Amino acid sequence: MYTVVLLVHIMLAVAIVMVVLLQVGKGSGMGAAFGGSSESFFGSSGPSNFLEKATIVVGILFLLTSLTLAYISGESGQNRLFNQMVPAQTSPLPAPSQNALPASPSTTQQK
């Protein structure tokens, strides 16, 4: 079940990217709103063309699959990431050799 919802979620993610990129840019709409043009940024027509409606539908489906994946993941405790982590193995430090020089200078100094 989780795998099927995840595959649908990935396909919806690709679809929403494609639908958004296919839309016509509306960057001039904000400037036209302040310039007194009849076309404003928040027009009264609403989402009228097919791509805008498709964006809404795909966005809602993406949200629903996101919530479904979150619900399925929280439902079972054994699939959590922290339960699957293997603790790091630490290697023991080598014992210092007896013939090594001291790290700090001698406390007795010649005058």
PDB file of N, CA and C in Angstrom:
ATOM      1  N   MET A   1       0.835  -1.195   0.000  1.00  0.00           N
ATOM      2  CA  MET A   1       0.000   0.000   0.000  1.00  0.00           C
ATOM      3  C   MET A   1       0.874   1.252   0.000  1.00  0.00           C
ATOM      4  N   TYR A   2       1.882   1.226   0.858  1.00  0.00           N
ATOM      5  CA  TYR A   2       2.766   2.389   0.959  1.00  0.00           C
ATOM      6  C   TYR A   2       3.485   2.644  -0.364  1.00  0.00           C
ATOM      7  N   THR A   3       3.936   1.577  -1.018  1.00  0.00           N
ATOM      8  CA  THR A   3       4.670   1.712  -2.273  1.00  0.00           C
ATOM      9  C   THR A   3       3.777   2.265  -3.380  1.00  0.00           C
ATOM     10  N   VAL A   4       2.539   1.833  -3.422  1.00  0.00           N
ATOM     11  CA  VAL A   4       1.608   2.322  -4.444  1.00  0.00           C
ATOM     12  C   VAL A   4       1.337   3.812  -4.251  1.00  0.00           C
ATOM     13  N   VAL A   5       1.079   4.206  -3.019  1.00  0.00           N
ATOM     14  CA  VAL A   5       0.821   5.627  -2.745  1.00  0.00           C
ATOM     15  C   VAL A   5       2.065   6.459  -3.028  1.00  0.00           C
ATOM     16  N   LEU A   6       3.239   5.915  -2.726  1.00  0.00           N
ATOM     17  CA  LEU A   6       4.481   6.633  -2.990  1.00  0.00           C
ATOM     18  C   LEU A   6       4.704   6.820  -4.488  1.00  0.00           C
ATOM     19  N   LEU A   7       4.417   5.791  -5.283  1.00  0.00           N
ATOM     20  CA  LEU A   7       4.560   5.921  -6.739  1.00  0.00           C
ATOM     21  C   LEU A   7       3.585   6.941  -7.310  1.00  0.00           C
ATOM     22  N   VAL A   8       2.345   6.942  -6.827  1.00  0.00           N
ATOM     23  CA  VAL A   8       1.361   7.941  -7.271  1.00  0.00           C
ATOM     24  C   VAL A   8       1.825   9.336  -6.866  1.00  0.00           C
ATOM     25  N   HIS A   9       2.378   9.450  -5.680  1.00  0.00           N
ATOM     26  CA  HIS A   9       2.870  10.739  -5.176  1.00  0.00           C
ATOM     27  C   HIS A   9       4.000  11.279  -6.060  1.00  0.00           C
ATOM     28  N   ILE A  10       4.917  10.408  -6.446  1.00  0.00           N
ATOM     29  CA  ILE A  10       6.029  10.833  -7.303  1.00  0.00           C
ATOM     30  C   ILE A  10       5.511  11.244  -8.678  1.00  0.00           C
ATOM     31  N   MET A  11       4.558  10.485  -9.223  1.00  0.00           N
ATOM     32  CA  MET A  11       3.987  10.858 -10.521  1.00  0.00           C
ATOM     33  C   MET A  11       3.241  12.186 -10.450  1.00  0.00           C
ATOM     34  N   LEU A  12       2.551  12.428  -9.343  1.00  0.00           N
ATOM     35  CA  LEU A  12       1.864  13.713  -9.173  1.00  0.00           C
ATOM     36  C   LEU A  12       2.859  14.857  -9.031  1.00  0.00           C
ATOM     37  N   ALA A  13       3.980  14.607  -8.386  1.00  0.00           N
ATOM     38  CA  ALA A  13       5.005  15.645  -8.253  1.00  0.00           C
ATOM     39  C   ALA A  13       5.547  16.042  -9.620  1.00  0.00           C
ATOM     40  N   VAL A  14       5.809  15.056 -10.460  1.00  0.00           N
ATOM     41  CA  VAL A  14       6.291  15.345 -11.812  1.00  0.00           C
ATOM     42  C   VAL A  14       5.206  16.063 -12.614  1.00  0.00           C
ATOM     43  N   ALA A  15       3.957  15.618 -12.450  1.00  0.00           N
ATOM     44  CA  ALA A  15       2.847  16.236 -13.183  1.00  0.00           C
ATOM     45  C   ALA A  15       2.642  17.691 -12.781  1.00  0.00           C
ATOM     46  N   ILE A  16       2.746  17.982 -11.501  1.00  0.00           N
ATOM     47  CA  ILE A  16       2.522  19.365 -11.067  1.00  0.00           C
ATOM     48  C   ILE A  16       3.640  20.281 -11.558  1.00  0.00           C
ATOM     49  N   VAL A  17       4.846  19.764 -11.612  1.00  0.00           N
ATOM     50  CA  VAL A  17       5.952  20.566 -12.150  1.00  0.00           C
ATOM     51  C   VAL A  17       5.716  20.859 -13.624  1.00  0.00           C
ATOM     52  N   MET A  18       5.306  19.848 -14.362  1.00  0.00           N
ATOM     53  CA  MET A  18       5.069  20.045 -15.796  1.00  0.00           C
ATOM     54  C   MET A  18       3.900  20.994 -16.058  1.00  0.00           C
ATOM     55  N   VAL A  19       2.824  20.853 -15.302  1.00  0.00           N
ATOM     56  CA  VAL A  19       1.660  21.715 -15.508  1.00  0.00           C
ATOM     57  C   VAL A  19       1.992  23.163 -15.171  1.00  0.00           C
ATOM     58  N   VAL A  20       2.741  23.372 -14.129  1.00  0.00           N
ATOM     59  CA  VAL A  20       3.105  24.743 -13.754  1.00  0.00           C
ATOM     60  C   VAL A  20       4.046  25.354 -14.795  1.00  0.00           C
ATOM     61  N   LEU A  21       4.987  24.557 -15.291  1.00  0.00           N
ATOM     62  CA  LEU A  21       5.919  25.090 -16.286  1.00  0.00           C
ATOM     63  C   LEU A  21       5.260  25.349 -17.634  1.00  0.00           C
ATOM     64  N   LEU A  22       4.180  24.671 -17.946  1.00  0.00           N
ATOM     65  CA  LEU A  22       3.491  24.890 -19.205  1.00  0.00           C
ATOM     66  C   LEU A  22       2.623  26.144 -19.207  1.00  0.00           C
ATOM     67  N   GLN A  23       2.323  26.670 -18.036  1.00  0.00           N
ATOM     68  CA  GLN A  23       1.447  27.838 -17.959  1.00  0.00           C
ATOM     69  C   GLN A  23       2.159  29.090 -18.459  1.00  0.00           C
ATOM     70  N   VAL A  24       1.363  30.021 -18.924  1.00  0.00           N
ATOM     71  CA  VAL A  24       1.880  31.299 -19.396  1.00  0.00           C
ATOM     72  C   VAL A  24       2.197  32.169 -18.190  1.00  0.00           C
ATOM     73  N   GLY A  25       3.346  32.832 -18.232  1.00  0.00           N
ATOM     74  CA  GLY A  25       3.730  33.695 -17.129  1.00  0.00           C
ATOM     75  C   GLY A  25       2.811  34.893 -17.004  1.00  0.00           C
ATOM     76  N   LYS A  26       2.557  35.300 -15.780  1.00  0.00           N
ATOM     77  CA  LYS A  26       1.678  36.442 -15.542  1.00  0.00           C
ATOM     78  C   LYS A  26       2.409  37.522 -14.763  1.00  0.00           C
ATOM     79  N   GLY A  27       3.677  37.714 -15.065  1.00  0.00           N
ATOM     80  CA  GLY A  27       4.464  38.715 -14.368  1.00  0.00           C
ATOM     81  C   GLY A  27       4.015  40.127 -14.663  1.00  0.00           C
ATOM     82  N   SER A  28       3.456  40.375 -15.847  1.00  0.00           N
ATOM     83  CA  SER A  28       3.025  41.730 -16.188  1.00  0.00           C
ATOM     84  C   SER A  28       1.680  42.066 -15.567  1.00  0.00           C
ATOM     85  N   GLY A  29       1.005  41.076 -15.028  1.00  0.00           N
ATOM     86  CA  GLY A  29      -0.310  41.326 -14.446  1.00  0.00           C
ATOM     87  C   GLY A  29      -0.249  42.240 -13.238  1.00  0.00           C
ATOM     88  N   MET A  30       0.770  42.105 -12.409  1.00  0.00           N
ATOM     89  CA  MET A  30       0.889  42.949 -11.220  1.00  0.00           C
ATOM     90  C   MET A  30       1.189  44.387 -11.615  1.00  0.00           C
ATOM     91  N   GLY A  31       2.057  44.564 -12.607  1.00  0.00           N
ATOM     92  CA  GLY A  31       2.344  45.919 -13.074  1.00  0.00           C
ATOM     93  C   GLY A  31       1.133  46.556 -13.730  1.00  0.00           C
ATOM     94  N   ALA A  32       0.367  45.772 -14.421  1.00  0.00           N
ATOM     95  CA  ALA A  32      -0.832  46.302 -15.066  1.00  0.00           C
ATOM     96  C   ALA A  32      -1.886  46.680 -14.029  1.00  0.00           C
ATOM     97  N   ALA A  33      -1.888  46.002 -12.891  1.00  0.00           N
ATOM     98  CA  ALA A  33      -2.864  46.328 -11.846  1.00  0.00           C
ATOM     99  C   ALA A  33      -2.603  47.713 -11.289  1.00  0.00           C
ATOM    100  N   PHE A  34      -1.335  48.096 -11.149  1.00  0.00           N
ATOM    101  CA  PHE A  34      -1.021  49.418 -10.622  1.00  0.00           C
ATOM    102  C   PHE A  34      -1.075  50.480 -11.709  1.00  0.00           C
ATOM    103  N   GLY A  35      -0.990  50.062 -12.962  1.00  0.00           N
ATOM    104  CA  GLY A  35      -1.028  51.018 -14.064  1.00  0.00           C
ATOM    105  C   GLY A  35      -2.438  51.399 -14.477  1.00  0.00           C
ATOM    106  N   GLY A  36      -3.451  50.761 -13.920  1.00  0.00           N
ATOM    107  CA  GLY A  36      -4.823  51.098 -14.256  1.00  0.00           C
ATOM    108  C   GLY A  36      -5.365  50.312 -15.431  1.00  0.00           C
ATOM    109  N   SER A  37      -4.701  49.238 -15.776  1.00  0.00           N
ATOM    110  CA  SER A  37      -5.164  48.426 -16.895  1.00  0.00           C
ATOM    111  C   SER A  37      -6.411  47.645 -16.496  1.00  0.00           C
ATOM    112  N   SER A  38      -7.164  47.238 -17.511  1.00  0.00           N
ATOM    113  CA  SER A  38      -8.380  46.477 -17.224  1.00  0.00           C
ATOM    114  C   SER A  38      -8.049  45.068 -16.749  1.00  0.00           C
ATOM    115  N   GLU A  39      -6.885  44.541 -17.134  1.00  0.00           N
ATOM    116  CA  GLU A  39      -6.473  43.226 -16.667  1.00  0.00           C
ATOM    117  C   GLU A  39      -5.701  43.405 -15.360  1.00  0.00           C
ATOM    118  N   SER A  40      -6.197  42.850 -14.300  1.00  0.00           N
ATOM    119  CA  SER A  40      -5.537  43.018 -13.007  1.00  0.00           C
ATOM    120  C   SER A  40      -4.928  41.702 -12.556  1.00  0.00           C
ATOM    121  N   PHE A  41      -4.120  41.790 -11.541  1.00  0.00           N
ATOM    122  CA  PHE A  41      -3.435  40.599 -11.024  1.00  0.00           C
ATOM    123  C   PHE A  41      -4.438  39.590 -10.469  1.00  0.00           C
ATOM    124  N   PHE A  42      -5.404  40.059  -9.712  1.00  0.00           N
ATOM    125  CA  PHE A  42      -6.462  39.213  -9.190  1.00  0.00           C
ATOM    126  C   PHE A  42      -7.711  39.468 -10.015  1.00  0.00           C
ATOM    127  N   GLY A  43      -7.784  38.841 -11.150  1.00  0.00           N
ATOM    128  CA  GLY A  43      -8.904  39.068 -12.053  1.00  0.00           C
ATOM    129  C   GLY A  43     -10.188  38.444 -11.528  1.00  0.00           C
ATOM    130  N   SER A  44     -11.324  38.923 -12.026  1.00  0.00           N
ATOM    131  CA  SER A  44     -12.608  38.406 -11.575  1.00  0.00           C
ATOM    132  C   SER A  44     -12.992  37.126 -12.309  1.00  0.00           C
ATOM    133  N   SER A  45     -12.242  36.775 -13.361  1.00  0.00           N
ATOM    134  CA  SER A  45     -12.595  35.583 -14.143  1.00  0.00           C
ATOM    135  C   SER A  45     -12.254  34.296 -13.409  1.00  0.00           C
ATOM    136  N   GLY A  46     -11.268  34.319 -12.519  1.00  0.00           N
ATOM    137  CA  GLY A  46     -10.871  33.107 -11.804  1.00  0.00           C
ATOM    138  C   GLY A  46     -10.105  32.176 -12.724  1.00  0.00           C
ATOM    139  N   PRO A  47      -9.826  30.970 -12.261  1.00  0.00           N
ATOM    140  CA  PRO A  47      -9.094  30.036 -13.122  1.00  0.00           C
ATOM    141  C   PRO A  47      -9.980  29.593 -14.289  1.00  0.00           C
ATOM    142  N   SER A  48      -9.655  30.067 -15.465  1.00  0.00           N
ATOM    143  CA  SER A  48     -10.560  29.832 -16.581  1.00  0.00           C
ATOM    144  C   SER A  48     -10.049  28.789 -17.554  1.00  0.00           C
ATOM    145  N   ASN A  49      -8.748  28.689 -17.735  1.00  0.00           N
ATOM    146  CA  ASN A  49      -8.289  27.753 -18.748  1.00  0.00           C
ATOM    147  C   ASN A  49      -7.968  26.382 -18.152  1.00  0.00           C
ATOM    148  N   PHE A  50      -7.686  25.430 -19.009  1.00  0.00           N
ATOM    149  CA  PHE A  50      -7.485  24.038 -18.611  1.00  0.00           C
ATOM    150  C   PHE A  50      -6.264  23.860 -17.715  1.00  0.00           C
ATOM    151  N   LEU A  51      -5.181  24.556 -18.011  1.00  0.00           N
ATOM    152  CA  LEU A  51      -3.955  24.365 -17.226  1.00  0.00           C
ATOM    153  C   LEU A  51      -4.108  24.840 -15.790  1.00  0.00           C
ATOM    154  N   GLU A  52      -4.861  25.917 -15.596  1.00  0.00           N
ATOM    155  CA  GLU A  52      -5.065  26.401 -14.232  1.00  0.00           C
ATOM    156  C   GLU A  52      -5.930  25.430 -13.442  1.00  0.00           C
ATOM    157  N   LYS A  53      -6.945  24.865 -14.085  1.00  0.00           N
ATOM    158  CA  LYS A  53      -7.781  23.876 -13.402  1.00  0.00           C
ATOM    159  C   LYS A  53      -6.989  22.595 -13.129  1.00  0.00           C
ATOM    160  N   ALA A  54      -6.146  22.204 -14.074  1.00  0.00           N
ATOM    161  CA  ALA A  54      -5.319  21.011 -13.873  1.00  0.00           C
ATOM    162  C   ALA A  54      -4.341  21.218 -12.727  1.00  0.00           C
ATOM    163  N   THR A  55      -3.819  22.426 -12.581  1.00  0.00           N
ATOM    164  CA  THR A  55      -2.903  22.725 -11.475  1.00  0.00           C
ATOM    165  C   THR A  55      -3.603  22.561 -10.133  1.00  0.00           C
ATOM    166  N   ILE A  56      -4.823  23.018 -10.063  1.00  0.00           N
ATOM    167  CA  ILE A  56      -5.578  22.901  -8.812  1.00  0.00           C
ATOM    168  C   ILE A  56      -5.855  21.434  -8.485  1.00  0.00           C
ATOM    169  N   VAL A  57      -6.287  20.681  -9.478  1.00  0.00           N
ATOM    170  CA  VAL A  57      -6.609  19.267  -9.245  1.00  0.00           C
ATOM    171  C   VAL A  57      -5.363  18.482  -8.850  1.00  0.00           C
ATOM    172  N   VAL A  58      -4.274  18.672  -9.582  1.00  0.00           N
ATOM    173  CA  VAL A  58      -3.041  17.938  -9.278  1.00  0.00           C
ATOM    174  C   VAL A  58      -2.488  18.370  -7.916  1.00  0.00           C
ATOM    175  N   GLY A  59      -2.615  19.638  -7.590  1.00  0.00           N
ATOM    176  CA  GLY A  59      -2.158  20.116  -6.284  1.00  0.00           C
ATOM    177  C   GLY A  59      -2.941  19.505  -5.133  1.00  0.00           C
ATOM    178  N   ILE A  60      -4.247  19.391  -5.300  1.00  0.00           N
ATOM    179  CA  ILE A  60      -5.079  18.782  -4.253  1.00  0.00           C
ATOM    180  C   ILE A  60      -4.744  17.301  -4.112  1.00  0.00           C
ATOM    181  N   LEU A  61      -4.578  16.603  -5.236  1.00  0.00           N
ATOM    182  CA  LEU A  61      -4.211  15.188  -5.176  1.00  0.00           C
ATOM    183  C   LEU A  61      -2.833  14.990  -4.545  1.00  0.00           C
ATOM    184  N   PHE A  62      -1.893  15.898  -4.845  1.00  0.00           N
ATOM    185  CA  PHE A  62      -0.561  15.832  -4.236  1.00  0.00           C
ATOM    186  C   PHE A  62      -0.652  16.015  -2.722  1.00  0.00           C
ATOM    187  N   LEU A  63      -1.483  16.946  -2.283  1.00  0.00           N
ATOM    188  CA  LEU A  63      -1.677  17.168  -0.850  1.00  0.00           C
ATOM    189  C   LEU A  63      -2.276  15.934  -0.191  1.00  0.00           C
ATOM    190  N   LEU A  64      -3.259  15.316  -0.843  1.00  0.00           N
ATOM    191  CA  LEU A  64      -3.889  14.128  -0.267  1.00  0.00           C
ATOM    192  C   LEU A  64      -2.917  12.955  -0.176  1.00  0.00           C
ATOM    193  N   THR A  65      -2.097  12.771  -1.198  1.00  0.00           N
ATOM    194  CA  THR A  65      -1.116  11.688  -1.113  1.00  0.00           C
ATOM    195  C   THR A  65      -0.052  11.986  -0.058  1.00  0.00           C
ATOM    196  N   SER A  66       0.288  13.245   0.115  1.00  0.00           N
ATOM    197  CA  SER A  66       1.241  13.613   1.176  1.00  0.00           C
ATOM    198  C   SER A  66       0.680  13.263   2.552  1.00  0.00           C
ATOM    199  N   LEU A  67      -0.575  13.615   2.772  1.00  0.00           N
ATOM    200  CA  LEU A  67      -1.202  13.301   4.053  1.00  0.00           C
ATOM    201  C   LEU A  67      -1.348  11.793   4.249  1.00  0.00           C
ATOM    202  N   THR A  68      -1.660  11.072   3.173  1.00  0.00           N
ATOM    203  CA  THR A  68      -1.778   9.618   3.261  1.00  0.00           C
ATOM    204  C   THR A  68      -0.439   8.980   3.597  1.00  0.00           C
ATOM    205  N   LEU A  69       0.632   9.431   2.963  1.00  0.00           N
ATOM    206  CA  LEU A  69       1.961   8.898   3.265  1.00  0.00           C
ATOM    207  C   LEU A  69       2.357   9.196   4.706  1.00  0.00           C
ATOM    208  N   ALA A  70       2.032  10.382   5.186  1.00  0.00           N
ATOM    209  CA  ALA A  70       2.352  10.722   6.572  1.00  0.00           C
ATOM    210  C   ALA A  70       1.564   9.846   7.544  1.00  0.00           C
ATOM    211  N   TYR A  71       0.311   9.580   7.225  1.00  0.00           N
ATOM    212  CA  TYR A  71      -0.520   8.743   8.089  1.00  0.00           C
ATOM    213  C   TYR A  71      -0.007   7.301   8.103  1.00  0.00           C
ATOM    214  N   ILE A  72       0.330   6.787   6.930  1.00  0.00           N
ATOM    215  CA  ILE A  72       0.826   5.409   6.854  1.00  0.00           C
ATOM    216  C   ILE A  72       2.175   5.283   7.572  1.00  0.00           C
ATOM    217  N   SER A  73       3.020   6.272   7.439  1.00  0.00           N
ATOM    218  CA  SER A  73       4.331   6.224   8.092  1.00  0.00           C
ATOM    219  C   SER A  73       4.209   6.299   9.603  1.00  0.00           C
ATOM    220  N   GLY A  74       3.287   7.079  10.099  1.00  0.00           N
ATOM    221  CA  GLY A  74       3.113   7.211  11.542  1.00  0.00           C
ATOM    222  C   GLY A  74       2.376   6.048  12.160  1.00  0.00           C
ATOM    223  N   GLU A  75       1.696   5.262  11.335  1.00  0.00           N
ATOM    224  CA  GLU A  75       0.895   4.156  11.830  1.00  0.00           C
ATOM    225  C   GLU A  75       1.753   3.005  12.359  1.00  0.00           C
ATOM    226  N   SER A  76       2.813   2.681  11.658  1.00  0.00           N
ATOM    227  CA  SER A  76       3.649   1.550  12.061  1.00  0.00           C
ATOM    228  C   SER A  76       4.962   2.056  12.620  1.00  0.00           C
ATOM    229  N   GLY A  77       5.281   1.619  13.819  1.00  0.00           N
ATOM    230  CA  GLY A  77       6.493   2.078  14.482  1.00  0.00           C
ATOM    231  C   GLY A  77       7.749   1.391  14.000  1.00  0.00           C
ATOM    232  N   GLN A  78       7.641   0.211  13.387  1.00  0.00           N
ATOM    233  CA  GLN A  78       8.839  -0.512  12.996  1.00  0.00           C
ATOM    234  C   GLN A  78       9.474   0.059  11.746  1.00  0.00           C
ATOM    235  N   ASN A  79       8.812   0.887  10.997  1.00  0.00           N
ATOM    236  CA  ASN A  79       9.375   1.433   9.769  1.00  0.00           C
ATOM    237  C   ASN A  79      10.047   2.790   9.973  1.00  0.00           C
ATOM    238  N   ARG A  80      10.225   3.171  11.171  1.00  0.00           N
ATOM    239  CA  ARG A  80      10.828   4.478  11.424  1.00  0.00           C
ATOM    240  C   ARG A  80      12.328   4.440  11.187  1.00  0.00           C
ATOM    241  N   LEU A  81      12.866   5.564  10.817  1.00  0.00           N
ATOM    242  CA  LEU A  81      14.273   5.662  10.464  1.00  0.00           C
ATOM    243  C   LEU A  81      15.170   5.369  11.661  1.00  0.00           C
ATOM    244  N   PHE A  82      14.806   5.870  12.823  1.00  0.00           N
ATOM    245  CA  PHE A  82      15.675   5.728  13.982  1.00  0.00           C
ATOM    246  C   PHE A  82      15.710   4.299  14.495  1.00  0.00           C
ATOM    247  N   ASN A  83      14.703   3.502  14.212  1.00  0.00           N
ATOM    248  CA  ASN A  83      14.724   2.104  14.614  1.00  0.00           C
ATOM    249  C   ASN A  83      15.601   1.272  13.696  1.00  0.00           C
ATOM    250  N   GLN A  84      15.889   1.756  12.497  1.00  0.00           N
ATOM    251  CA  GLN A  84      16.680   1.012  11.538  1.00  0.00           C
ATOM    252  C   GLN A  84      18.151   1.387  11.573  1.00  0.00           C
ATOM    253  N   MET A  85      18.513   2.416  12.287  1.00  0.00           N
ATOM    254  CA  MET A  85      19.898   2.871  12.310  1.00  0.00           C
ATOM    255  C   MET A  85      20.770   1.903  13.099  1.00  0.00           C
ATOM    256  N   VAL A  86      21.913   1.605  12.556  1.00  0.00           N
ATOM    257  CA  VAL A  86      22.870   0.731  13.222  1.00  0.00           C
ATOM    258  C   VAL A  86      23.846   1.621  13.986  1.00  0.00           C
ATOM    259  N   PRO A  87      24.094   1.335  15.260  1.00  0.00           N
ATOM    260  CA  PRO A  87      25.033   2.179  15.997  1.00  0.00           C
ATOM    261  C   PRO A  87      26.438   2.068  15.415  1.00  0.00           C
ATOM    262  N   ALA A  88      27.112   3.170  15.395  1.00  0.00           N
ATOM    263  CA  ALA A  88      28.468   3.200  14.836  1.00  0.00           C
ATOM    264  C   ALA A  88      29.410   2.425  15.747  1.00  0.00           C
ATOM    265  N   GLN A  89      30.256   1.608  15.145  1.00  0.00           N
ATOM    266  CA  GLN A  89      31.218   0.840  15.919  1.00  0.00           C
ATOM    267  C   GLN A  89      32.474   1.670  16.082  1.00  0.00           C
ATOM    268  N   THR A  90      32.911   1.793  17.308  1.00  0.00           N
ATOM    269  CA  THR A  90      34.116   2.560  17.583  1.00  0.00           C
ATOM    270  C   THR A  90      35.267   1.595  17.775  1.00  0.00           C
ATOM    271  N   SER A  91      36.361   1.903  17.139  1.00  0.00           N
ATOM    272  CA  SER A  91      37.540   1.055  17.310  1.00  0.00           C
ATOM    273  C   SER A  91      38.306   1.532  18.536  1.00  0.00           C
ATOM    274  N   PRO A  92      38.875   0.609  19.283  1.00  0.00           N
ATOM    275  CA  PRO A  92      39.629   1.024  20.474  1.00  0.00           C
ATOM    276  C   PRO A  92      40.881   1.791  20.055  1.00  0.00           C
ATOM    277  N   LEU A  93      41.215   2.787  20.842  1.00  0.00           N
ATOM    278  CA  LEU A  93      42.411   3.577  20.567  1.00  0.00           C
ATOM    279  C   LEU A  93      43.656   2.755  20.873  1.00  0.00           C
ATOM    280  N   PRO A  94      44.690   2.899  20.068  1.00  0.00           N
ATOM    281  CA  PRO A  94      45.912   2.154  20.361  1.00  0.00           C
ATOM    282  C   PRO A  94      46.560   2.669  21.642  1.00  0.00           C
ATOM    283  N   ALA A  95      47.158   1.756  22.372  1.00  0.00           N
ATOM    284  CA  ALA A  95      47.824   2.133  23.621  1.00  0.00           C
ATOM    285  C   ALA A  95      49.064   2.954  23.299  1.00  0.00           C
ATOM    286  N   PRO A  96      49.341   4.015  24.066  1.00  0.00           N
ATOM    287  CA  PRO A  96      50.532   4.819  23.801  1.00  0.00           C
ATOM    288  C   PRO A  96      51.791   3.996  24.072  1.00  0.00           C
ATOM    289  N   SER A  97      52.762   4.196  23.231  1.00  0.00           N
ATOM    290  CA  SER A  97      54.005   3.439  23.414  1.00  0.00           C
ATOM    291  C   SER A  97      54.805   4.029  24.573  1.00  0.00           C
ATOM    292  N   GLN A  98      55.597   3.194  25.209  1.00  0.00           N
ATOM    293  CA  GLN A  98      56.366   3.612  26.376  1.00  0.00           C
ATOM    294  C   GLN A  98      57.572   4.455  25.978  1.00  0.00           C
ATOM    295  N   ASN A  99      58.036   4.347  24.752  1.00  0.00           N
ATOM    296  CA  ASN A  99      59.233   5.065  24.317  1.00  0.00           C
ATOM    297  C   ASN A  99      58.915   6.425  23.699  1.00  0.00           C
ATOM    298  N   ALA A 100      57.687   6.808  23.679  1.00  0.00           N
ATOM    299  CA  ALA A 100      57.305   8.070  23.041  1.00  0.00           C
ATOM    300  C   ALA A 100      57.742   9.251  23.909  1.00  0.00           C
ATOM    301  N   LEU A 101      58.058  10.354  23.256  1.00  0.00           N
ATOM    302  CA  LEU A 101      58.442  11.564  23.972  1.00  0.00           C
ATOM    303  C   LEU A 101      57.203  12.218  24.561  1.00  0.00           C
ATOM    304  N   PRO A 102      57.358  12.930  25.682  1.00  0.00           N
ATOM    305  CA  PRO A 102      56.188  13.599  26.268  1.00  0.00           C
ATOM    306  C   PRO A 102      55.704  14.719  25.353  1.00  0.00           C
ATOM    307  N   ALA A 103      54.410  14.986  25.420  1.00  0.00           N
ATOM    308  CA  ALA A 103      53.807  15.993  24.566  1.00  0.00           C
ATOM    309  C   ALA A 103      54.143  17.411  25.023  1.00  0.00           C
ATOM    310  N   SER A 104      54.373  17.600  26.300  1.00  0.00           N
ATOM    311  CA  SER A 104      54.692  18.944  26.792  1.00  0.00           C
ATOM    312  C   SER A 104      56.171  19.013  27.177  1.00  0.00           C
ATOM    313  N   PRO A 105      56.749  20.219  27.128  1.00  0.00           N
ATOM    314  CA  PRO A 105      58.169  20.350  27.514  1.00  0.00           C
ATOM    315  C   PRO A 105      58.369  20.035  28.985  1.00  0.00           C
ATOM    316  N   SER A 106      59.552  19.729  29.285  1.00  0.00           N
ATOM    317  CA  SER A 106      59.900  19.370  30.657  1.00  0.00           C
ATOM    318  C   SER A 106      59.674  20.551  31.586  1.00  0.00           C
ATOM    319  N   THR A 107      59.302  20.257  32.813  1.00  0.00           N
ATOM    320  CA  THR A 107      59.043  21.337  33.769  1.00  0.00           C
ATOM    321  C   THR A 107      60.343  21.904  34.345  1.00  0.00           C
ATOM    322  N   THR A 108      61.417  21.181  34.274  1.00  0.00           N
ATOM    323  CA  THR A 108      62.701  21.697  34.760  1.00  0.00           C
ATOM    324  C   THR A 108      63.428  22.345  33.587  1.00  0.00           C
ATOM    325  N   GLN A 109      63.680  23.620  33.696  1.00  0.00           N
ATOM    326  CA  GLN A 109      64.372  24.346  32.647  1.00  0.00           C
ATOM    327  C   GLN A 109      65.723  24.811  33.173  1.00  0.00           C
ATOM    328  N   GLN A 110      66.670  24.880  32.274  1.00  0.00           N
ATOM    329  CA  GLN A 110      67.999  25.346  32.672  1.00  0.00           C
ATOM    330  C   GLN A 110      68.016  26.858  32.649  1.00  0.00           C
ATOM    331  N   LYS A 111      68.747  27.445  33.614  1.00  0.00           N
ATOM    332  CA  LYS A 111      68.839  28.886  33.687  1.00  0.00           C
ATOM    333  C   LYS A 111      70.167  29.381  33.265  1.00  0.00           C
TER     334      LYS A 111
END
